[in-house]
Amino acid sequence: MLDRIARLFQKGSSGLRELVDLSADLLEVGRSREARELCLKAIEIDPKCAPAWSNLAFAALQLGEFAAAASAAQKAIEIAPMNATAWHNLGEAHWRMGEASNALTYNNRALSIDSSSPQYWLGRGNALMALERYPESLPCLDRALALDPSNRPAKLNRDVAWLRADARRNSFFLCMLGISASLDDRQRIPEFTAVNLAALAQSEPQILDREFLLAFDSFLQICIASGHPSVVSSCLTGLLVSRLLKDANLEKRMSERFEEATSRHGVR
């Protein structure tokens, strides 16, 4: 690797493209520090190489150096204003620094250039969530998932945004967070997960739709992994509600959760 880099550096401008491509390959596998060094070598050869600056920004993001990432992304934009990746990296840096309004502006700019990237849609959705504009974030996260169904951050954030978008769902979501936060204290975990879900089924049946139970399923997986037997009653309630919805696929999933919980905790 070092010999190859040395040869590319010696080739000067003729090896520039290969240096940039190699830095991108390293970033794909999380070798951020090595990628950063390659980007700096590429910039030394050509200070106006926008892709090198953009990759340098991404390397800084991976390393948690958000101010440096913003600076490198800004430099890439100065050189190539239509570089959508640079705009997204700039937005990501500002989002990580807690500057959601700026992050939204920059991700909007990235999407105006290229609307085919799931990461740009995820970036916009994340910024809107940080601004507590949950209903607006949902179409962005849906779009990210449509473009990349395996995008786990988009899926998790989509579940959270869906719950937070409605005040009634939000109250239940906060209840779930409270339980999740106390999972380590097994003696104090109240068995009110099922109670709350059952109460919602009676008082707010319109929100207990398929998407609600899919989001609830994510929570059940956390509870099952925690090893606390109170999850059995929660899984049972989820199974009963899925039957009320007459959704065979959802009922199958809830049944599997119930079987997993009862098997793990020795319930017959």
C-alpha atoms as a PDB file:
ATOM      1  CA  MET A   1       0.000   0.000   0.000  1.00  0.00           C
ATOM      2  CA  LEU A   2       2.733   2.478   0.975  1.00  0.00           C
ATOM      3  CA  ASP A   3       4.726   1.710  -2.171  1.00  0.00           C
ATOM      4  CA  ARG A   4       1.644   2.260  -4.307  1.00  0.00           C
ATOM      5  CA  ILE A   5       0.909   5.595  -2.617  1.00  0.00           C
ATOM      6  CA  ALA A   6       4.512   6.689  -3.094  1.00  0.00           C
ATOM      7  CA  ARG A   7       4.345   5.835  -6.795  1.00  0.00           C
ATOM      8  CA  LEU A   8       1.078   7.712  -7.234  1.00  0.00           C
ATOM      9  CA  PHE A   9       2.465  10.733  -5.430  1.00  0.00           C
ATOM     10  CA  GLN A  10       5.562  10.695  -7.642  1.00  0.00           C
ATOM     11  CA  LYS A  11       3.347  10.619 -10.733  1.00  0.00           C
ATOM     12  CA  GLY A  12       1.961  13.997  -9.705  1.00  0.00           C
ATOM     13  CA  SER A  13      -1.186  15.120 -11.501  1.00  0.00           C
ATOM     14  CA  SER A  14      -1.324  11.907 -13.541  1.00  0.00           C
ATOM     15  CA  GLY A  15      -1.773   9.892 -10.338  1.00  0.00           C
ATOM     16  CA  LEU A  16      -4.236  12.325  -8.752  1.00  0.00           C
ATOM     17  CA  ARG A  17      -7.405  10.491  -9.746  1.00  0.00           C
ATOM     18  CA  GLU A  18      -6.075   7.205  -8.404  1.00  0.00           C
ATOM     19  CA  LEU A  19      -5.171   8.820  -5.079  1.00  0.00           C
ATOM     20  CA  VAL A  20      -8.688  10.222  -4.719  1.00  0.00           C
ATOM     21  CA  ASP A  21     -10.290   6.903  -5.677  1.00  0.00           C
ATOM     22  CA  LEU A  22      -8.078   5.038  -3.236  1.00  0.00           C
ATOM     23  CA  SER A  23      -9.043   7.431  -0.440  1.00  0.00           C
ATOM     24  CA  ALA A  24     -12.721   6.762  -1.222  1.00  0.00           C
ATOM     25  CA  ASP A  25     -12.100   3.010  -1.042  1.00  0.00           C
ATOM     26  CA  LEU A  26     -10.467   3.403   2.358  1.00  0.00           C
ATOM     27  CA  LEU A  27     -13.366   5.501   3.612  1.00  0.00           C
ATOM     28  CA  GLU A  28     -15.775   2.738   2.564  1.00  0.00           C
ATOM     29  CA  VAL A  29     -14.086   0.346   4.998  1.00  0.00           C
ATOM     30  CA  GLY A  30     -13.621   2.883   7.790  1.00  0.00           C
ATOM     31  CA  ARG A  31      -9.884   3.431   7.409  1.00  0.00           C
ATOM     32  CA  SER A  32     -10.348   7.133   8.003  1.00  0.00           C
ATOM     33  CA  ARG A  33      -6.859   8.171   9.043  1.00  0.00           C
ATOM     34  CA  GLU A  34      -5.233   6.549   6.030  1.00  0.00           C
ATOM     35  CA  ALA A  35      -7.853   8.088   3.776  1.00  0.00           C
ATOM     36  CA  ARG A  36      -7.178  11.501   5.268  1.00  0.00           C
ATOM     37  CA  GLU A  37      -3.476  11.194   4.511  1.00  0.00           C
ATOM     38  CA  LEU A  38      -4.218  10.324   0.888  1.00  0.00           C
ATOM     39  CA  CYS A  39      -6.564  13.292   0.580  1.00  0.00           C
ATOM     40  CA  LEU A  40      -3.892  15.613   1.920  1.00  0.00           C
ATOM     41  CA  LYS A  41      -1.373  14.220  -0.580  1.00  0.00           C
ATOM     42  CA  ALA A  42      -3.880  14.739  -3.406  1.00  0.00           C
ATOM     43  CA  ILE A  43      -4.474  18.309  -2.255  1.00  0.00           C
ATOM     44  CA  GLU A  44      -0.721  18.873  -2.137  1.00  0.00           C
ATOM     45  CA  ILE A  45      -0.571  17.871  -5.811  1.00  0.00           C
ATOM     46  CA  ASP A  46      -3.624  19.953  -6.742  1.00  0.00           C
ATOM     47  CA  PRO A  47      -5.091  22.344  -4.123  1.00  0.00           C
ATOM     48  CA  LYS A  48      -8.160  22.775  -6.349  1.00  0.00           C
ATOM     49  CA  CYS A  49      -9.121  19.091  -6.422  1.00  0.00           C
ATOM     50  CA  ALA A  50     -12.703  19.274  -5.133  1.00  0.00           C
ATOM     51  CA  PRO A  51     -13.184  15.479  -4.717  1.00  0.00           C
ATOM     52  CA  ALA A  52     -10.089  15.342  -2.515  1.00  0.00           C
ATOM     53  CA  TRP A  53     -11.484  18.100  -0.287  1.00  0.00           C
ATOM     54  CA  SER A  54     -14.861  16.375  -0.190  1.00  0.00           C
ATOM     55  CA  ASN A  55     -13.279  13.049   0.800  1.00  0.00           C
ATOM     56  CA  LEU A  56     -11.204  14.871   3.394  1.00  0.00           C
ATOM     57  CA  ALA A  57     -14.446  16.229   4.874  1.00  0.00           C
ATOM     58  CA  PHE A  58     -15.913  12.726   5.054  1.00  0.00           C
ATOM     59  CA  ALA A  59     -12.762  11.388   6.705  1.00  0.00           C
ATOM     60  CA  ALA A  60     -12.998  14.138   9.325  1.00  0.00           C
ATOM     61  CA  LEU A  61     -16.653  13.224   9.930  1.00  0.00           C
ATOM     62  CA  GLN A  62     -15.701   9.605  10.552  1.00  0.00           C
ATOM     63  CA  LEU A  63     -13.016  10.754  12.975  1.00  0.00           C
ATOM     64  CA  GLY A  64     -15.434  12.998  14.861  1.00  0.00           C
ATOM     65  CA  GLU A  65     -13.643  16.180  13.808  1.00  0.00           C
ATOM     66  CA  PHE A  66     -16.753  18.102  12.813  1.00  0.00           C
ATOM     67  CA  ALA A  67     -15.341  21.620  12.558  1.00  0.00           C
ATOM     68  CA  ALA A  68     -12.537  20.318  10.329  1.00  0.00           C
ATOM     69  CA  ALA A  69     -15.125  18.454   8.253  1.00  0.00           C
ATOM     70  CA  ALA A  70     -17.148  21.620   7.761  1.00  0.00           C
ATOM     71  CA  SER A  71     -14.035  23.543   6.719  1.00  0.00           C
ATOM     72  CA  ALA A  72     -12.985  20.900   4.166  1.00  0.00           C
ATOM     73  CA  ALA A  73     -16.519  20.613   2.752  1.00  0.00           C
ATOM     74  CA  GLN A  74     -16.720  24.389   2.417  1.00  0.00           C
ATOM     75  CA  LYS A  75     -13.440  24.372   0.474  1.00  0.00           C
ATOM     76  CA  ALA A  76     -14.795  21.704  -1.879  1.00  0.00           C
ATOM     77  CA  ILE A  77     -17.901  23.823  -2.474  1.00  0.00           C
ATOM     78  CA  GLU A  78     -15.836  26.919  -3.231  1.00  0.00           C
ATOM     79  CA  ILE A  79     -14.035  24.943  -5.939  1.00  0.00           C
ATOM     80  CA  ALA A  80     -17.080  23.034  -7.248  1.00  0.00           C
ATOM     81  CA  PRO A  81     -20.414  24.616  -6.187  1.00  0.00           C
ATOM     82  CA  MET A  82     -22.387  21.765  -7.782  1.00  0.00           C
ATOM     83  CA  ASN A  83     -20.675  19.061  -5.723  1.00  0.00           C
ATOM     84  CA  ALA A  84     -23.710  17.531  -3.975  1.00  0.00           C
ATOM     85  CA  THR A  85     -21.600  15.292  -1.749  1.00  0.00           C
ATOM     86  CA  ALA A  86     -19.724  18.287  -0.394  1.00  0.00           C
ATOM     87  CA  TRP A  87     -22.997  20.045   0.452  1.00  0.00           C
ATOM     88  CA  HIS A  88     -24.208  16.911   2.224  1.00  0.00           C
ATOM     89  CA  ASN A  89     -20.942  16.579   4.160  1.00  0.00           C
ATOM     90  CA  LEU A  90     -21.258  20.217   5.189  1.00  0.00           C
ATOM     91  CA  GLY A  91     -24.803  19.537   6.373  1.00  0.00           C
ATOM     92  CA  GLU A  92     -23.707  16.431   8.256  1.00  0.00           C
ATOM     93  CA  ALA A  93     -20.950  18.363  10.016  1.00  0.00           C
ATOM     94  CA  HIS A  94     -23.353  21.086  11.144  1.00  0.00           C
ATOM     95  CA  TRP A  95     -25.911  18.492  12.273  1.00  0.00           C
ATOM     96  CA  ARG A  96     -23.242  16.778  14.381  1.00  0.00           C
ATOM     97  CA  MET A  97     -22.330  20.151  15.869  1.00  0.00           C
ATOM     98  CA  GLY A  98     -25.963  20.745  16.870  1.00  0.00           C
ATOM     99  CA  GLU A  99     -26.666  23.324  14.188  1.00  0.00           C
ATOM    100  CA  ALA A 100     -29.784  21.756  12.706  1.00  0.00           C
ATOM    101  CA  SER A 101     -31.028  24.793  10.787  1.00  0.00           C
ATOM    102  CA  ASN A 102     -27.755  25.046   8.886  1.00  0.00           C
ATOM    103  CA  ALA A 103     -27.751  21.287   8.365  1.00  0.00           C
ATOM    104  CA  LEU A 104     -31.204  21.479   6.799  1.00  0.00           C
ATOM    105  CA  THR A 105     -30.143  24.294   4.463  1.00  0.00           C
ATOM    106  CA  TYR A 106     -27.082  22.415   3.250  1.00  0.00           C
ATOM    107  CA  ASN A 107     -28.878  19.087   2.780  1.00  0.00           C
ATOM    108  CA  ASN A 108     -31.605  20.887   0.828  1.00  0.00           C
ATOM    109  CA  ARG A 109     -28.867  22.234  -1.424  1.00  0.00           C
ATOM    110  CA  ALA A 110     -27.436  18.730  -1.911  1.00  0.00           C
ATOM    111  CA  LEU A 111     -30.889  17.394  -2.857  1.00  0.00           C
ATOM    112  CA  SER A 112     -31.456  20.246  -5.303  1.00  0.00           C
ATOM    113  CA  ILE A 113     -28.362  19.006  -7.159  1.00  0.00           C
ATOM    114  CA  ASP A 114     -28.924  15.250  -6.794  1.00  0.00           C
ATOM    115  CA  SER A 115     -32.133  13.761  -5.383  1.00  0.00           C
ATOM    116  CA  SER A 116     -31.116  10.135  -5.989  1.00  0.00           C
ATOM    117  CA  SER A 117     -28.958   9.637  -2.876  1.00  0.00           C
ATOM    118  CA  PRO A 118     -30.581   7.986   0.165  1.00  0.00           C
ATOM    119  CA  GLN A 119     -27.946   9.605   2.385  1.00  0.00           C
ATOM    120  CA  TYR A 120     -29.008  13.102   1.337  1.00  0.00           C
ATOM    121  CA  TRP A 121     -32.644  12.288   2.166  1.00  0.00           C
ATOM    122  CA  LEU A 122     -31.542  10.800   5.485  1.00  0.00           C
ATOM    123  CA  GLY A 123     -29.535  13.951   6.199  1.00  0.00           C
ATOM    124  CA  ARG A 124     -32.564  16.143   5.542  1.00  0.00           C
ATOM    125  CA  GLY A 125     -34.753  13.898   7.678  1.00  0.00           C
ATOM    126  CA  ASN A 126     -32.254  13.971  10.551  1.00  0.00           C
ATOM    127  CA  ALA A 127     -32.069  17.761  10.444  1.00  0.00           C
ATOM    128  CA  LEU A 128     -35.865  18.069  10.514  1.00  0.00           C
ATOM    129  CA  MET A 129     -36.041  15.656  13.443  1.00  0.00           C
ATOM    130  CA  ALA A 130     -33.449  17.719  15.314  1.00  0.00           C
ATOM    131  CA  LEU A 131     -35.708  20.726  14.736  1.00  0.00           C
ATOM    132  CA  GLU A 132     -38.648  18.650  16.067  1.00  0.00           C
ATOM    133  CA  ARG A 133     -40.404  18.925  12.701  1.00  0.00           C
ATOM    134  CA  TYR A 134     -41.343  15.255  12.782  1.00  0.00           C
ATOM    135  CA  PRO A 135     -44.219  15.194  10.247  1.00  0.00           C
ATOM    136  CA  GLU A 136     -41.948  16.834   7.670  1.00  0.00           C
ATOM    137  CA  SER A 137     -39.149  14.375   8.364  1.00  0.00           C
ATOM    138  CA  LEU A 138     -41.277  11.320   7.552  1.00  0.00           C
ATOM    139  CA  PRO A 139     -41.389  11.717   3.732  1.00  0.00           C
ATOM    140  CA  CYS A 140     -37.604  12.241   3.713  1.00  0.00           C
ATOM    141  CA  LEU A 141     -36.942   9.075   5.692  1.00  0.00           C
ATOM    142  CA  ASP A 142     -39.468   7.165   3.592  1.00  0.00           C
ATOM    143  CA  ARG A 143     -37.635   8.310   0.481  1.00  0.00           C
ATOM    144  CA  ALA A 144     -34.291   7.226   1.934  1.00  0.00           C
ATOM    145  CA  LEU A 145     -35.735   3.768   2.613  1.00  0.00           C
ATOM    146  CA  ALA A 146     -37.289   3.549  -0.851  1.00  0.00           C
ATOM    147  CA  LEU A 147     -33.862   4.228  -2.364  1.00  0.00           C
ATOM    148  CA  ASP A 148     -32.064   1.927   0.076  1.00  0.00           C
ATOM    149  CA  PRO A 149     -34.300  -0.533   1.993  1.00  0.00           C
ATOM    150  CA  SER A 150     -31.292  -1.757   3.986  1.00  0.00           C
ATOM    151  CA  ASN A 151     -30.570   1.703   5.418  1.00  0.00           C
ATOM    152  CA  ARG A 152     -30.833   0.898   9.130  1.00  0.00           C
ATOM    153  CA  PRO A 153     -30.437   4.497  10.450  1.00  0.00           C
ATOM    154  CA  ALA A 154     -33.281   5.605   8.179  1.00  0.00           C
ATOM    155  CA  LYS A 155     -35.471   2.765   9.446  1.00  0.00           C
ATOM    156  CA  LEU A 156     -34.791   3.470  13.116  1.00  0.00           C
ATOM    157  CA  ASN A 157     -35.235   7.227  12.738  1.00  0.00           C
ATOM    158  CA  ARG A 158     -38.377   6.703  10.696  1.00  0.00           C
ATOM    159  CA  ASP A 159     -39.929   4.682  13.551  1.00  0.00           C
ATOM    160  CA  VAL A 160     -39.038   7.406  16.045  1.00  0.00           C
ATOM    161  CA  ALA A 161     -40.304  10.223  13.804  1.00  0.00           C
ATOM    162  CA  TRP A 162     -43.572   8.398  13.197  1.00  0.00           C
ATOM    163  CA  LEU A 163     -44.173   8.083  16.924  1.00  0.00           C
ATOM    164  CA  ARG A 164     -43.114  11.643  17.708  1.00  0.00           C
ATOM    165  CA  ALA A 165     -45.232  13.137  14.916  1.00  0.00           C
ATOM    166  CA  ASP A 166     -48.421  12.596  16.909  1.00  0.00           C
ATOM    167  CA  ALA A 167     -48.921  13.816  20.470  1.00  0.00           C
ATOM    168  CA  ARG A 168     -50.667  10.616  21.533  1.00  0.00           C
ATOM    169  CA  ARG A 169     -47.998   8.453  19.963  1.00  0.00           C
ATOM    170  CA  ASN A 170     -45.404  10.724  21.501  1.00  0.00           C
ATOM    171  CA  SER A 171     -46.658  10.084  25.027  1.00  0.00           C
ATOM    172  CA  PHE A 172     -46.406   6.351  24.414  1.00  0.00           C
ATOM    173  CA  PHE A 173     -42.951   6.788  22.887  1.00  0.00           C
ATOM    174  CA  LEU A 174     -41.749   8.595  26.006  1.00  0.00           C
ATOM    175  CA  CYS A 175     -43.128   5.738  28.071  1.00  0.00           C
ATOM    176  CA  MET A 176     -41.104   3.306  25.955  1.00  0.00           C
ATOM    177  CA  LEU A 177     -37.983   5.412  26.413  1.00  0.00           C
ATOM    178  CA  GLY A 178     -38.509   5.389  30.162  1.00  0.00           C
ATOM    179  CA  ILE A 179     -38.696   1.625  30.220  1.00  0.00           C
ATOM    180  CA  SER A 180     -35.690   1.278  27.917  1.00  0.00           C
ATOM    181  CA  ALA A 181     -33.639   3.555  30.147  1.00  0.00           C
ATOM    182  CA  SER A 182     -34.395   1.410  33.190  1.00  0.00           C
ATOM    183  CA  LEU A 183     -33.762  -1.989  31.653  1.00  0.00           C
ATOM    184  CA  ASP A 184     -30.545  -2.438  33.604  1.00  0.00           C
ATOM    185  CA  ASP A 185     -32.406  -2.167  36.907  1.00  0.00           C
ATOM    186  CA  ARG A 186     -34.353  -5.393  36.663  1.00  0.00           C
ATOM    187  CA  GLN A 187     -35.997  -5.125  40.074  1.00  0.00           C
ATOM    188  CA  ARG A 188     -37.638  -1.818  39.282  1.00  0.00           C
ATOM    189  CA  ILE A 189     -38.968  -2.398  35.782  1.00  0.00           C
ATOM    190  CA  PRO A 190     -42.747  -1.909  35.963  1.00  0.00           C
ATOM    191  CA  GLU A 191     -44.908  -4.161  33.899  1.00  0.00           C
ATOM    192  CA  PHE A 192     -46.823  -1.281  32.382  1.00  0.00           C
ATOM    193  CA  THR A 193     -45.731  -1.733  28.770  1.00  0.00           C
ATOM    194  CA  ALA A 194     -48.689  -4.001  28.071  1.00  0.00           C
ATOM    195  CA  VAL A 195     -50.945  -1.930  30.310  1.00  0.00           C
ATOM    196  CA  ASN A 196     -50.210   1.215  28.313  1.00  0.00           C
ATOM    197  CA  LEU A 197     -50.683  -0.544  25.002  1.00  0.00           C
ATOM    198  CA  ALA A 198     -53.952  -2.070  26.176  1.00  0.00           C
ATOM    199  CA  ALA A 199     -55.147   1.324  27.388  1.00  0.00           C
ATOM    200  CA  LEU A 200     -54.319   2.840  24.009  1.00  0.00           C
ATOM    201  CA  ALA A 201     -56.227   0.045  22.310  1.00  0.00           C
ATOM    202  CA  GLN A 202     -59.307   1.080  24.264  1.00  0.00           C
ATOM    203  CA  SER A 203     -58.959   4.865  24.217  1.00  0.00           C
ATOM    204  CA  GLU A 204     -57.120   5.543  20.959  1.00  0.00           C
ATOM    205  CA  PRO A 205     -57.713   2.522  18.705  1.00  0.00           C
ATOM    206  CA  GLN A 206     -57.180   4.603  15.563  1.00  0.00           C
ATOM    207  CA  ILE A 207     -53.451   4.938  16.215  1.00  0.00           C
ATOM    208  CA  LEU A 208     -52.890   1.223  16.709  1.00  0.00           C
ATOM    209  CA  ASP A 209     -52.361   0.562  13.045  1.00  0.00           C
ATOM    210  CA  ARG A 210     -49.814  -1.592  11.274  1.00  0.00           C
ATOM    211  CA  GLU A 211     -47.075   1.029  11.389  1.00  0.00           C
ATOM    212  CA  PHE A 212     -47.543   1.508  15.122  1.00  0.00           C
ATOM    213  CA  LEU A 213     -47.024  -2.190  15.753  1.00  0.00           C
ATOM    214  CA  LEU A 214     -43.997  -2.294  13.458  1.00  0.00           C
ATOM    215  CA  ALA A 215     -42.454   0.482  15.550  1.00  0.00           C
ATOM    216  CA  PHE A 216     -43.548  -1.331  18.715  1.00  0.00           C
ATOM    217  CA  ASP A 217     -41.885  -4.470  17.357  1.00  0.00           C
ATOM    218  CA  SER A 218     -38.539  -2.659  17.360  1.00  0.00           C
ATOM    219  CA  PHE A 219     -39.059  -1.930  21.039  1.00  0.00           C
ATOM    220  CA  LEU A 220     -40.023  -5.530  21.770  1.00  0.00           C
ATOM    221  CA  GLN A 221     -36.710  -6.694  20.353  1.00  0.00           C
ATOM    222  CA  ILE A 222     -34.904  -4.453  22.861  1.00  0.00           C
ATOM    223  CA  CYS A 223     -37.016  -5.804  25.711  1.00  0.00           C
ATOM    224  CA  ILE A 224     -36.445  -9.434  24.717  1.00  0.00           C
ATOM    225  CA  ALA A 225     -32.711  -8.840  24.540  1.00  0.00           C
ATOM    226  CA  SER A 226     -32.807  -7.289  28.022  1.00  0.00           C
ATOM    227  CA  GLY A 227     -33.807 -10.624  29.508  1.00  0.00           C
ATOM    228  CA  HIS A 228     -36.665  -9.332  31.653  1.00  0.00           C
ATOM    229  CA  PRO A 229     -39.796 -11.536  31.828  1.00  0.00           C
ATOM    230  CA  SER A 230     -42.181  -8.555  31.794  1.00  0.00           C
ATOM    231  CA  VAL A 231     -41.734  -8.484  28.020  1.00  0.00           C
ATOM    232  CA  VAL A 232     -43.910 -11.602  27.717  1.00  0.00           C
ATOM    233  CA  SER A 233     -47.069  -9.674  28.551  1.00  0.00           C
ATOM    234  CA  SER A 234     -46.072  -6.949  26.098  1.00  0.00           C
ATOM    235  CA  CYS A 235     -45.551  -9.480  23.308  1.00  0.00           C
ATOM    236  CA  LEU A 236     -48.901 -11.087  24.092  1.00  0.00           C
ATOM    237  CA  THR A 237     -50.673  -7.745  23.851  1.00  0.00           C
ATOM    238  CA  GLY A 238     -48.931  -7.002  20.550  1.00  0.00           C
ATOM    239  CA  LEU A 239     -50.087 -10.385  19.258  1.00  0.00           C
ATOM    240  CA  LEU A 240     -53.696  -9.736  20.289  1.00  0.00           C
ATOM    241  CA  VAL A 241     -53.725  -6.291  18.651  1.00  0.00           C
ATOM    242  CA  SER A 242     -52.254  -7.739  15.431  1.00  0.00           C
ATOM    243  CA  ARG A 243     -55.130 -10.223  15.348  1.00  0.00           C
ATOM    244  CA  LEU A 244     -57.610  -7.383  15.739  1.00  0.00           C
ATOM    245  CA  LEU A 245     -56.000  -5.703  12.728  1.00  0.00           C
ATOM    246  CA  LYS A 246     -56.381  -8.952  10.760  1.00  0.00           C
ATOM    247  CA  ASP A 247     -52.903  -8.616   9.305  1.00  0.00           C
ATOM    248  CA  ALA A 248     -51.525 -12.127   8.768  1.00  0.00           C
ATOM    249  CA  ASN A 249     -47.902 -11.062   8.252  1.00  0.00           C
ATOM    250  CA  LEU A 250     -47.933  -8.826  11.302  1.00  0.00           C
ATOM    251  CA  GLU A 251     -49.640 -11.500  13.378  1.00  0.00           C
ATOM    252  CA  LYS A 252     -46.924 -13.958  12.336  1.00  0.00           C
ATOM    253  CA  ARG A 253     -44.202 -11.506  13.410  1.00  0.00           C
ATOM    254  CA  MET A 254     -45.861 -10.827  16.768  1.00  0.00           C
ATOM    255  CA  SER A 255     -46.391 -14.542  17.287  1.00  0.00           C
ATOM    256  CA  GLU A 256     -42.680 -15.128  16.708  1.00  0.00           C
ATOM    257  CA  ARG A 257     -41.833 -12.396  19.246  1.00  0.00           C
ATOM    258  CA  PHE A 258     -44.198 -13.997  21.780  1.00  0.00           C
ATOM    259  CA  GLU A 259     -42.683 -17.446  21.216  1.00  0.00           C
ATOM    260  CA  GLU A 260     -39.176 -16.028  21.547  1.00  0.00           C
ATOM    261  CA  ALA A 261     -40.034 -14.243  24.795  1.00  0.00           C
ATOM    262  CA  THR A 262     -41.778 -17.224  26.382  1.00  0.00           C
ATOM    263  CA  SER A 263     -39.011 -19.600  25.312  1.00  0.00           C
ATOM    264  CA  ARG A 264     -36.280 -17.354  26.655  1.00  0.00           C
ATOM    265  CA  HIS A 265     -37.977 -16.825  29.998  1.00  0.00           C
ATOM    266  CA  GLY A 266     -39.228 -20.393  30.469  1.00  0.00           C
ATOM    267  CA  VAL A 267     -42.914 -19.454  30.334  1.00  0.00           C
ATOM    268  CA  ARG A 268     -45.343 -22.171  29.229  1.00  0.00           C
END
